[in-house]
Amino acid sequence: MRRPEESAGEPSDAGNELLVERTDRVLTVTLNRPAKLNAFTLDMFAALIDLGAQLRNDPTVRVVCFRGAGSRALAAGADISTFTEFTSGDDGVRYEATVARALQAVSDLPQVTLAVIRGLAVGGGLALATACDLRIAGTGARVGYPIAGTLGNCLSAPVLRRCVAVFGDSLVREMLLTARLVDAQRAYAAGAINELADDDQLDAAVNALTTRLAGLAPGTQLATKRILAALAAGEDPHDADEMRKVYGSKDFAAAVQAFMSKGEPRFSAELDLT
């Protein structure tokens, strides 16, 4: 996978399983195995870990958008050939640990993250979507974990925790215990999908949303992500530190002045990662 700063404006080579393209302050990461419904390989999970390390200290990227190549899936689980080499349950534990690290790398990104769901987001695809801050989907999308009817494997606690946080315990139990997929309308009604668009209007809706996200106050977005992450982990959110930083910022002072003069606020283009 090419480094994000080396791929500005142009996608990586078509043979890569993860394509990275940057347009202004928005980085788009495309899972690129359309013939396999973008099913994850171990190399793809490793690439997500590398991407997280690269973006963690990049203040110039404001939004990271994850999507799948083609029109059939964000990702339809994992490449089953990965499991043919397993010889014991310990192989499964190690595999799930790799998946957990990759998804944690996505969850830990300081940028706002968005999953675009066109078609299927099942297994690893849904795990990626629930590791993101926001999800937008086409009306024809379907999501779920049908593993009780396919491979008969199970999910790790970190993956389940994120899924429950997004979908709620009851719906997660239904998806996993019945192996049935959930359509986009029901997921939207449950609050798990944040925005729904007709399939032929999905790209336009994604562009509008990423443009909006990239133009909002970066201090508000980053502080919110940090405090919510700490709360989810049961840790001290150090919210006073975050509030002190945001309320003491030039963005806040300028926005107050703009409001008082009935003008529009103009926020910084970059994240303050200190």
C-alpha atoms as a PDB file:
ATOM      1  CA  MET A   1       0.000   0.000   0.000  1.00  0.00           C
ATOM      2  CA  ARG A   2       1.373   3.397  -0.962  1.00  0.00           C
ATOM      3  CA  ARG A   3       1.689   6.054   1.747  1.00  0.00           C
ATOM      4  CA  PRO A   4      -1.237   8.529   1.786  1.00  0.00           C
ATOM      5  CA  GLU A   5       0.977  11.536   1.102  1.00  0.00           C
ATOM      6  CA  GLU A   6       2.391   9.763  -1.957  1.00  0.00           C
ATOM      7  CA  SER A   7      -1.059   9.072  -3.400  1.00  0.00           C
ATOM      8  CA  ALA A   8      -2.655  12.518  -3.246  1.00  0.00           C
ATOM      9  CA  GLY A   9      -5.102  12.845  -6.098  1.00  0.00           C
ATOM     10  CA  GLU A  10      -4.308   9.428  -7.570  1.00  0.00           C
ATOM     11  CA  PRO A  11      -5.296   5.955  -6.389  1.00  0.00           C
ATOM     12  CA  SER A  12      -2.648   3.333  -5.719  1.00  0.00           C
ATOM     13  CA  ASP A  13      -1.966   0.633  -8.315  1.00  0.00           C
ATOM     14  CA  ALA A  14      -5.038  -1.383  -9.310  1.00  0.00           C
ATOM     15  CA  GLY A  15      -3.368  -4.617  -8.209  1.00  0.00           C
ATOM     16  CA  ASN A  16      -3.253  -3.503  -4.580  1.00  0.00           C
ATOM     17  CA  GLU A  17      -5.857  -4.833  -2.184  1.00  0.00           C
ATOM     18  CA  LEU A  18      -6.136  -1.472  -0.446  1.00  0.00           C
ATOM     19  CA  LEU A  19      -6.281   1.671  -2.582  1.00  0.00           C
ATOM     20  CA  VAL A  20      -5.620   5.059  -1.023  1.00  0.00           C
ATOM     21  CA  GLU A  21      -6.668   8.307  -2.663  1.00  0.00           C
ATOM     22  CA  ARG A  22      -6.607  11.794  -1.248  1.00  0.00           C
ATOM     23  CA  THR A  23      -8.690  14.753  -2.353  1.00  0.00           C
ATOM     24  CA  ASP A  24      -7.966  17.903  -0.356  1.00  0.00           C
ATOM     25  CA  ARG A  25      -8.610  17.000   3.309  1.00  0.00           C
ATOM     26  CA  VAL A  26     -10.455  13.726   2.641  1.00  0.00           C
ATOM     27  CA  LEU A  27      -8.648  10.388   2.374  1.00  0.00           C
ATOM     28  CA  THR A  28     -10.570   7.543   0.708  1.00  0.00           C
ATOM     29  CA  VAL A  29      -9.509   3.953   1.409  1.00  0.00           C
ATOM     30  CA  THR A  30     -10.985   1.398  -0.986  1.00  0.00           C
ATOM     31  CA  LEU A  31     -11.005  -2.331  -0.306  1.00  0.00           C
ATOM     32  CA  ASN A  32     -10.062  -3.596  -3.738  1.00  0.00           C
ATOM     33  CA  ARG A  33     -11.054  -7.224  -4.319  1.00  0.00           C
ATOM     34  CA  PRO A  34     -14.374  -6.787  -6.141  1.00  0.00           C
ATOM     35  CA  ALA A  35     -14.300 -10.301  -7.618  1.00  0.00           C
ATOM     36  CA  LYS A  36     -14.207 -11.636  -4.035  1.00  0.00           C
ATOM     37  CA  LEU A  37     -16.722  -9.071  -2.719  1.00  0.00           C
ATOM     38  CA  ASN A  38     -13.730  -7.297  -1.140  1.00  0.00           C
ATOM     39  CA  ALA A  39     -13.277 -10.090   1.395  1.00  0.00           C
ATOM     40  CA  PHE A  40     -10.441  -9.365   3.804  1.00  0.00           C
ATOM     41  CA  THR A  41      -7.055 -11.039   3.582  1.00  0.00           C
ATOM     42  CA  LEU A  42      -4.480 -10.934   6.355  1.00  0.00           C
ATOM     43  CA  ASP A  43      -2.476  -8.509   4.222  1.00  0.00           C
ATOM     44  CA  MET A  44      -5.441  -6.141   4.153  1.00  0.00           C
ATOM     45  CA  PHE A  45      -5.725  -6.184   7.936  1.00  0.00           C
ATOM     46  CA  ALA A  46      -1.980  -5.526   8.168  1.00  0.00           C
ATOM     47  CA  ALA A  47      -2.378  -2.627   5.727  1.00  0.00           C
ATOM     48  CA  LEU A  48      -5.047  -1.084   7.965  1.00  0.00           C
ATOM     49  CA  ILE A  49      -2.608  -1.242  10.885  1.00  0.00           C
ATOM     50  CA  ASP A  50       0.066   0.482   8.752  1.00  0.00           C
ATOM     51  CA  LEU A  51      -2.433   3.101   7.625  1.00  0.00           C
ATOM     52  CA  GLY A  52      -3.362   3.863  11.216  1.00  0.00           C
ATOM     53  CA  ALA A  53       0.290   4.426  12.091  1.00  0.00           C
ATOM     54  CA  GLN A  54       0.689   6.800   9.137  1.00  0.00           C
ATOM     55  CA  LEU A  55      -2.427   8.850   9.797  1.00  0.00           C
ATOM     56  CA  ARG A  56      -2.134   9.051  13.562  1.00  0.00           C
ATOM     57  CA  ASN A  57       0.231  12.015  13.289  1.00  0.00           C
ATOM     58  CA  ASP A  58      -1.100  13.602  10.106  1.00  0.00           C
ATOM     59  CA  PRO A  59      -3.003  16.808  10.933  1.00  0.00           C
ATOM     60  CA  THR A  60      -3.726  17.627   7.285  1.00  0.00           C
ATOM     61  CA  VAL A  61      -6.245  14.785   6.796  1.00  0.00           C
ATOM     62  CA  ARG A  62      -9.615  15.586   8.342  1.00  0.00           C
ATOM     63  CA  VAL A  63     -11.823  12.731   7.128  1.00  0.00           C
ATOM     64  CA  VAL A  64     -11.031   9.092   6.312  1.00  0.00           C
ATOM     65  CA  CYS A  65     -13.648   7.354   4.177  1.00  0.00           C
ATOM     66  CA  PHE A  66     -13.719   3.550   3.845  1.00  0.00           C
ATOM     67  CA  ARG A  67     -15.514   1.936   0.918  1.00  0.00           C
ATOM     68  CA  GLY A  68     -15.474  -1.174  -1.256  1.00  0.00           C
ATOM     69  CA  ALA A  69     -14.575  -1.504  -4.930  1.00  0.00           C
ATOM     70  CA  GLY A  70     -17.501  -2.275  -7.211  1.00  0.00           C
ATOM     71  CA  SER A  71     -21.172  -2.106  -6.357  1.00  0.00           C
ATOM     72  CA  ARG A  72     -21.766  -5.353  -4.463  1.00  0.00           C
ATOM     73  CA  ALA A  73     -20.065  -4.946  -1.098  1.00  0.00           C
ATOM     74  CA  LEU A  74     -18.059  -2.892   1.320  1.00  0.00           C
ATOM     75  CA  ALA A  75     -16.660  -6.271   2.311  1.00  0.00           C
ATOM     76  CA  ALA A  76     -18.212  -9.695   2.589  1.00  0.00           C
ATOM     77  CA  GLY A  77     -16.277 -11.169   5.473  1.00  0.00           C
ATOM     78  CA  ALA A  78     -12.852 -12.756   5.263  1.00  0.00           C
ATOM     79  CA  ASP A  79     -11.119 -14.681   2.510  1.00  0.00           C
ATOM     80  CA  ILE A  80     -11.979 -18.270   3.453  1.00  0.00           C
ATOM     81  CA  SER A  81      -8.690 -19.582   2.061  1.00  0.00           C
ATOM     82  CA  THR A  82      -7.028 -17.953   5.071  1.00  0.00           C
ATOM     83  CA  PHE A  83      -8.602 -20.585   7.309  1.00  0.00           C
ATOM     84  CA  THR A  84      -7.470 -23.631   5.335  1.00  0.00           C
ATOM     85  CA  GLU A  85      -4.067 -23.410   6.996  1.00  0.00           C
ATOM     86  CA  PHE A  86      -5.454 -23.432  10.532  1.00  0.00           C
ATOM     87  CA  THR A  87      -4.455 -26.513  12.527  1.00  0.00           C
ATOM     88  CA  SER A  88      -5.743 -25.610  15.995  1.00  0.00           C
ATOM     89  CA  GLY A  89      -7.928 -23.225  17.923  1.00  0.00           C
ATOM     90  CA  ASP A  90      -4.858 -21.172  18.747  1.00  0.00           C
ATOM     91  CA  ASP A  91      -4.649 -20.188  15.076  1.00  0.00           C
ATOM     92  CA  GLY A  92      -8.118 -18.702  15.403  1.00  0.00           C
ATOM     93  CA  VAL A  93      -7.143 -16.759  18.516  1.00  0.00           C
ATOM     94  CA  ARG A  94      -4.119 -15.302  16.733  1.00  0.00           C
ATOM     95  CA  TYR A  95      -6.211 -14.433  13.680  1.00  0.00           C
ATOM     96  CA  GLU A  96      -8.846 -12.640  15.733  1.00  0.00           C
ATOM     97  CA  ALA A  97      -6.104 -10.744  17.571  1.00  0.00           C
ATOM     98  CA  THR A  98      -4.832  -9.455  14.219  1.00  0.00           C
ATOM     99  CA  VAL A  99      -8.348  -8.427  13.219  1.00  0.00           C
ATOM    100  CA  ALA A 100      -8.795  -6.650  16.563  1.00  0.00           C
ATOM    101  CA  ARG A 101      -5.530  -4.727  16.117  1.00  0.00           C
ATOM    102  CA  ALA A 102      -6.544  -3.611  12.625  1.00  0.00           C
ATOM    103  CA  LEU A 103      -9.954  -2.410  13.744  1.00  0.00           C
ATOM    104  CA  GLN A 104      -8.460  -0.688  16.779  1.00  0.00           C
ATOM    105  CA  ALA A 105      -6.129   1.167  14.414  1.00  0.00           C
ATOM    106  CA  VAL A 106      -9.200   2.452  12.565  1.00  0.00           C
ATOM    107  CA  SER A 107     -11.048   3.289  15.774  1.00  0.00           C
ATOM    108  CA  ASP A 108      -8.013   5.184  17.129  1.00  0.00           C
ATOM    109  CA  LEU A 109      -7.673   7.486  14.117  1.00  0.00           C
ATOM    110  CA  PRO A 110      -7.893  11.150  15.177  1.00  0.00           C
ATOM    111  CA  GLN A 111      -9.747  11.982  11.959  1.00  0.00           C
ATOM    112  CA  VAL A 112     -13.494  11.539  11.536  1.00  0.00           C
ATOM    113  CA  THR A 113     -14.026   8.124   9.940  1.00  0.00           C
ATOM    114  CA  LEU A 114     -16.882   7.182   7.621  1.00  0.00           C
ATOM    115  CA  ALA A 115     -17.899   3.765   6.289  1.00  0.00           C
ATOM    116  CA  VAL A 116     -19.729   3.697   2.954  1.00  0.00           C
ATOM    117  CA  ILE A 117     -21.979   0.653   2.630  1.00  0.00           C
ATOM    118  CA  ARG A 118     -23.097  -0.243  -0.868  1.00  0.00           C
ATOM    119  CA  GLY A 119     -24.445  -3.772  -1.105  1.00  0.00           C
ATOM    120  CA  LEU A 120     -23.172  -6.073   1.623  1.00  0.00           C
ATOM    121  CA  ALA A 121     -21.297  -5.293   4.821  1.00  0.00           C
ATOM    122  CA  VAL A 122     -21.026  -8.657   6.519  1.00  0.00           C
ATOM    123  CA  GLY A 123     -18.437 -10.225   8.776  1.00  0.00           C
ATOM    124  CA  GLY A 124     -15.245  -8.196   8.501  1.00  0.00           C
ATOM    125  CA  GLY A 125     -17.091  -5.592   6.460  1.00  0.00           C
ATOM    126  CA  LEU A 126     -19.507  -4.900   9.289  1.00  0.00           C
ATOM    127  CA  ALA A 127     -16.652  -4.997  11.793  1.00  0.00           C
ATOM    128  CA  LEU A 128     -14.897  -2.260   9.816  1.00  0.00           C
ATOM    129  CA  ALA A 129     -18.100  -0.223   9.577  1.00  0.00           C
ATOM    130  CA  THR A 130     -18.681  -0.359  13.333  1.00  0.00           C
ATOM    131  CA  ALA A 131     -15.072   0.686  13.976  1.00  0.00           C
ATOM    132  CA  CYS A 132     -15.836   3.933  12.131  1.00  0.00           C
ATOM    133  CA  ASP A 133     -17.448   7.008  13.645  1.00  0.00           C
ATOM    134  CA  LEU A 134     -20.242   7.222  11.080  1.00  0.00           C
ATOM    135  CA  ARG A 135     -21.931   4.994   8.513  1.00  0.00           C
ATOM    136  CA  ILE A 136     -23.734   5.958   5.296  1.00  0.00           C
ATOM    137  CA  ALA A 137     -25.494   3.359   3.168  1.00  0.00           C
ATOM    138  CA  GLY A 138     -27.441   2.838   0.002  1.00  0.00           C
ATOM    139  CA  THR A 139     -31.036   1.715   0.327  1.00  0.00           C
ATOM    140  CA  GLY A 140     -30.146  -1.698  -1.067  1.00  0.00           C
ATOM    141  CA  ALA A 141     -27.498  -2.403   1.574  1.00  0.00           C
ATOM    142  CA  ARG A 142     -27.641  -5.360   3.929  1.00  0.00           C
ATOM    143  CA  VAL A 143     -25.492  -5.981   6.992  1.00  0.00           C
ATOM    144  CA  GLY A 144     -24.890  -8.741   9.471  1.00  0.00           C
ATOM    145  CA  TYR A 145     -22.838 -11.618  10.811  1.00  0.00           C
ATOM    146  CA  PRO A 146     -24.159 -14.820   9.188  1.00  0.00           C
ATOM    147  CA  ILE A 147     -21.337 -16.972  10.588  1.00  0.00           C
ATOM    148  CA  ALA A 148     -23.686 -19.307  12.498  1.00  0.00           C
ATOM    149  CA  GLY A 149     -24.940 -20.439   9.083  1.00  0.00           C
ATOM    150  CA  THR A 150     -21.624 -20.369   7.214  1.00  0.00           C
ATOM    151  CA  LEU A 151     -18.273 -21.052   8.907  1.00  0.00           C
ATOM    152  CA  GLY A 152     -19.430 -21.603  12.471  1.00  0.00           C
ATOM    153  CA  ASN A 153     -16.693 -19.413  13.923  1.00  0.00           C
ATOM    154  CA  CYS A 154     -17.163 -16.620  16.468  1.00  0.00           C
ATOM    155  CA  LEU A 155     -16.229 -12.988  17.038  1.00  0.00           C
ATOM    156  CA  SER A 156     -13.797 -11.518  19.534  1.00  0.00           C
ATOM    157  CA  ALA A 157     -14.965  -9.375  22.432  1.00  0.00           C
ATOM    158  CA  PRO A 158     -13.658  -6.095  20.916  1.00  0.00           C
ATOM    159  CA  VAL A 159     -15.584  -6.674  17.682  1.00  0.00           C
ATOM    160  CA  LEU A 160     -18.751  -7.590  19.592  1.00  0.00           C
ATOM    161  CA  ARG A 161     -18.396  -4.580  21.888  1.00  0.00           C
ATOM    162  CA  ARG A 162     -18.277  -2.149  18.961  1.00  0.00           C
ATOM    163  CA  CYS A 163     -21.173  -3.866  17.228  1.00  0.00           C
ATOM    164  CA  VAL A 164     -23.314  -3.675  20.374  1.00  0.00           C
ATOM    165  CA  ALA A 165     -22.399  -0.007  20.821  1.00  0.00           C
ATOM    166  CA  VAL A 166     -23.677   0.716  17.307  1.00  0.00           C
ATOM    167  CA  PHE A 167     -26.629  -1.687  16.907  1.00  0.00           C
ATOM    168  CA  GLY A 168     -27.660  -2.461  20.467  1.00  0.00           C
ATOM    169  CA  ASP A 169     -27.541  -5.794  22.268  1.00  0.00           C
ATOM    170  CA  SER A 170     -30.864  -7.139  21.021  1.00  0.00           C
ATOM    171  CA  LEU A 171     -30.206  -6.648  17.322  1.00  0.00           C
ATOM    172  CA  VAL A 172     -26.644  -7.988  17.596  1.00  0.00           C
ATOM    173  CA  ARG A 173     -27.966 -11.130  19.268  1.00  0.00           C
ATOM    174  CA  GLU A 174     -30.505 -11.522  16.499  1.00  0.00           C
ATOM    175  CA  MET A 175     -27.938 -11.097  13.735  1.00  0.00           C
ATOM    176  CA  LEU A 176     -25.524 -13.608  15.244  1.00  0.00           C
ATOM    177  CA  LEU A 177     -27.923 -16.190  16.667  1.00  0.00           C
ATOM    178  CA  THR A 178     -30.216 -16.356  13.617  1.00  0.00           C
ATOM    179  CA  ALA A 179     -27.555 -15.686  10.936  1.00  0.00           C
ATOM    180  CA  ARG A 180     -30.029 -13.349   9.214  1.00  0.00           C
ATOM    181  CA  LEU A 181     -28.965 -10.145   7.530  1.00  0.00           C
ATOM    182  CA  VAL A 182     -30.495  -6.773   8.408  1.00  0.00           C
ATOM    183  CA  ASP A 183     -31.602  -4.466   5.616  1.00  0.00           C
ATOM    184  CA  ALA A 184     -30.518  -0.832   5.405  1.00  0.00           C
ATOM    185  CA  GLN A 185     -33.898   0.563   6.417  1.00  0.00           C
ATOM    186  CA  ARG A 186     -33.992  -1.414   9.649  1.00  0.00           C
ATOM    187  CA  ALA A 187     -30.370  -0.561  10.464  1.00  0.00           C
ATOM    188  CA  TYR A 188     -31.146   3.116   9.835  1.00  0.00           C
ATOM    189  CA  ALA A 189     -34.203   2.951  12.074  1.00  0.00           C
ATOM    190  CA  ALA A 190     -32.012   1.433  14.796  1.00  0.00           C
ATOM    191  CA  GLY A 191     -29.575   4.338  14.490  1.00  0.00           C
ATOM    192  CA  ALA A 192     -26.748   2.075  13.322  1.00  0.00           C
ATOM    193  CA  ILE A 193     -26.665   3.736   9.896  1.00  0.00           C
ATOM    194  CA  ASN A 194     -26.448   7.512  10.203  1.00  0.00           C
ATOM    195  CA  GLU A 195     -27.528   8.444   6.690  1.00  0.00           C
ATOM    196  CA  LEU A 196     -29.398   6.586   3.968  1.00  0.00           C
ATOM    197  CA  ALA A 197     -29.403   7.453   0.253  1.00  0.00           C
ATOM    198  CA  ASP A 198     -30.829   5.897  -2.879  1.00  0.00           C
ATOM    199  CA  ASP A 199     -28.192   3.633  -4.378  1.00  0.00           C
ATOM    200  CA  ASP A 200     -27.761   5.833  -7.451  1.00  0.00           C
ATOM    201  CA  GLN A 201     -27.343   8.915  -5.228  1.00  0.00           C
ATOM    202  CA  LEU A 202     -24.948   7.372  -2.716  1.00  0.00           C
ATOM    203  CA  ASP A 203     -21.735   8.832  -4.164  1.00  0.00           C
ATOM    204  CA  ALA A 204     -23.210  12.341  -4.208  1.00  0.00           C
ATOM    205  CA  ALA A 205     -24.377  11.915  -0.608  1.00  0.00           C
ATOM    206  CA  VAL A 206     -20.919  10.716   0.434  1.00  0.00           C
ATOM    207  CA  ASN A 207     -19.258  13.704  -1.234  1.00  0.00           C
ATOM    208  CA  ALA A 208     -21.658  16.109   0.465  1.00  0.00           C
ATOM    209  CA  LEU A 209     -21.122  14.519   3.871  1.00  0.00           C
ATOM    210  CA  THR A 210     -17.315  14.349   3.670  1.00  0.00           C
ATOM    211  CA  THR A 211     -17.178  17.968   2.488  1.00  0.00           C
ATOM    212  CA  ARG A 212     -19.310  19.014   5.441  1.00  0.00           C
ATOM    213  CA  LEU A 213     -17.245  17.006   7.935  1.00  0.00           C
ATOM    214  CA  ALA A 214     -13.967  18.439   6.641  1.00  0.00           C
ATOM    215  CA  GLY A 215     -15.253  21.993   7.053  1.00  0.00           C
ATOM    216  CA  LEU A 216     -16.458  21.776  10.651  1.00  0.00           C
ATOM    217  CA  ALA A 217     -14.518  22.600  13.822  1.00  0.00           C
ATOM    218  CA  PRO A 218     -11.621  20.136  14.134  1.00  0.00           C
ATOM    219  CA  GLY A 219     -11.256  20.821  17.865  1.00  0.00           C
ATOM    220  CA  THR A 220     -14.852  19.823  18.546  1.00  0.00           C
ATOM    221  CA  GLN A 221     -14.528  16.656  16.477  1.00  0.00           C
ATOM    222  CA  LEU A 222     -11.229  15.497  17.977  1.00  0.00           C
ATOM    223  CA  ALA A 223     -12.196  16.277  21.572  1.00  0.00           C
ATOM    224  CA  THR A 224     -15.468  14.405  21.096  1.00  0.00           C
ATOM    225  CA  LYS A 225     -13.660  11.351  19.692  1.00  0.00           C
ATOM    226  CA  ARG A 226     -11.105  11.330  22.511  1.00  0.00           C
ATOM    227  CA  ILE A 227     -13.647  11.704  25.315  1.00  0.00           C
ATOM    228  CA  LEU A 228     -16.011   9.083  23.858  1.00  0.00           C
ATOM    229  CA  ALA A 229     -13.133   6.622  23.360  1.00  0.00           C
ATOM    230  CA  ALA A 230     -12.047   7.012  26.965  1.00  0.00           C
ATOM    231  CA  LEU A 231     -15.612   6.564  28.235  1.00  0.00           C
ATOM    232  CA  ALA A 232     -16.069   3.425  26.101  1.00  0.00           C
ATOM    233  CA  ALA A 233     -12.852   2.003  27.555  1.00  0.00           C
ATOM    234  CA  GLY A 234     -13.885   2.848  31.108  1.00  0.00           C
ATOM    235  CA  GLU A 235     -10.951   5.247  31.458  1.00  0.00           C
ATOM    236  CA  ASP A 236     -10.610   8.776  32.795  1.00  0.00           C
ATOM    237  CA  PRO A 237     -11.491  10.960  29.767  1.00  0.00           C
ATOM    238  CA  HIS A 238      -9.412  13.901  31.050  1.00  0.00           C
ATOM    239  CA  ASP A 239     -12.235  16.042  29.760  1.00  0.00           C
ATOM    240  CA  ALA A 240     -10.979  19.142  31.560  1.00  0.00           C
ATOM    241  CA  ASP A 241      -7.807  18.964  29.452  1.00  0.00           C
ATOM    242  CA  GLU A 242      -9.834  18.637  26.267  1.00  0.00           C
ATOM    243  CA  MET A 243     -12.213  21.452  27.238  1.00  0.00           C
ATOM    244  CA  ARG A 244      -9.320  23.726  28.202  1.00  0.00           C
ATOM    245  CA  LYS A 245      -7.711  23.145  24.828  1.00  0.00           C
ATOM    246  CA  VAL A 246     -10.893  23.722  22.813  1.00  0.00           C
ATOM    247  CA  TYR A 247     -12.146  26.738  24.764  1.00  0.00           C
ATOM    248  CA  GLY A 248      -8.673  28.258  24.630  1.00  0.00           C
ATOM    249  CA  SER A 249      -8.303  27.800  20.878  1.00  0.00           C
ATOM    250  CA  LYS A 250      -8.189  30.475  18.203  1.00  0.00           C
ATOM    251  CA  ASP A 251     -11.066  28.674  16.447  1.00  0.00           C
ATOM    252  CA  PHE A 252     -13.364  29.139  19.453  1.00  0.00           C
ATOM    253  CA  ALA A 253     -12.461  32.797  19.936  1.00  0.00           C
ATOM    254  CA  ALA A 254     -12.925  33.564  16.241  1.00  0.00           C
ATOM    255  CA  ALA A 255     -16.229  31.669  16.087  1.00  0.00           C
ATOM    256  CA  VAL A 256     -17.611  33.646  19.043  1.00  0.00           C
ATOM    257  CA  GLN A 257     -16.670  36.900  17.308  1.00  0.00           C
ATOM    258  CA  ALA A 258     -18.238  35.697  14.064  1.00  0.00           C
ATOM    259  CA  PHE A 259     -21.462  34.790  15.843  1.00  0.00           C
ATOM    260  CA  MET A 260     -21.653  38.161  17.599  1.00  0.00           C
ATOM    261  CA  SER A 261     -21.183  39.971  14.288  1.00  0.00           C
ATOM    262  CA  LYS A 262     -23.669  37.653  12.540  1.00  0.00           C
ATOM    263  CA  GLY A 263     -20.933  36.215  10.352  1.00  0.00           C
ATOM    264  CA  GLU A 264     -20.008  32.647   9.450  1.00  0.00           C
ATOM    265  CA  PRO A 265     -17.243  30.915  11.449  1.00  0.00           C
ATOM    266  CA  ARG A 266     -14.104  29.852   9.619  1.00  0.00           C
ATOM    267  CA  PHE A 267     -12.370  26.931  11.261  1.00  0.00           C
ATOM    268  CA  SER A 268      -8.797  25.683  10.963  1.00  0.00           C
ATOM    269  CA  ALA A 269      -8.087  23.333   8.092  1.00  0.00           C
ATOM    270  CA  GLU A 270      -5.893  21.040  10.191  1.00  0.00           C
ATOM    271  CA  LEU A 271      -6.180  18.995  13.358  1.00  0.00           C
ATOM    272  CA  ASP A 272      -4.284  20.042  16.473  1.00  0.00           C
ATOM    273  CA  LEU A 273      -2.924  16.675  17.564  1.00  0.00           C
ATOM    274  CA  THR A 274      -1.182  17.870  20.734  1.00  0.00           C
END
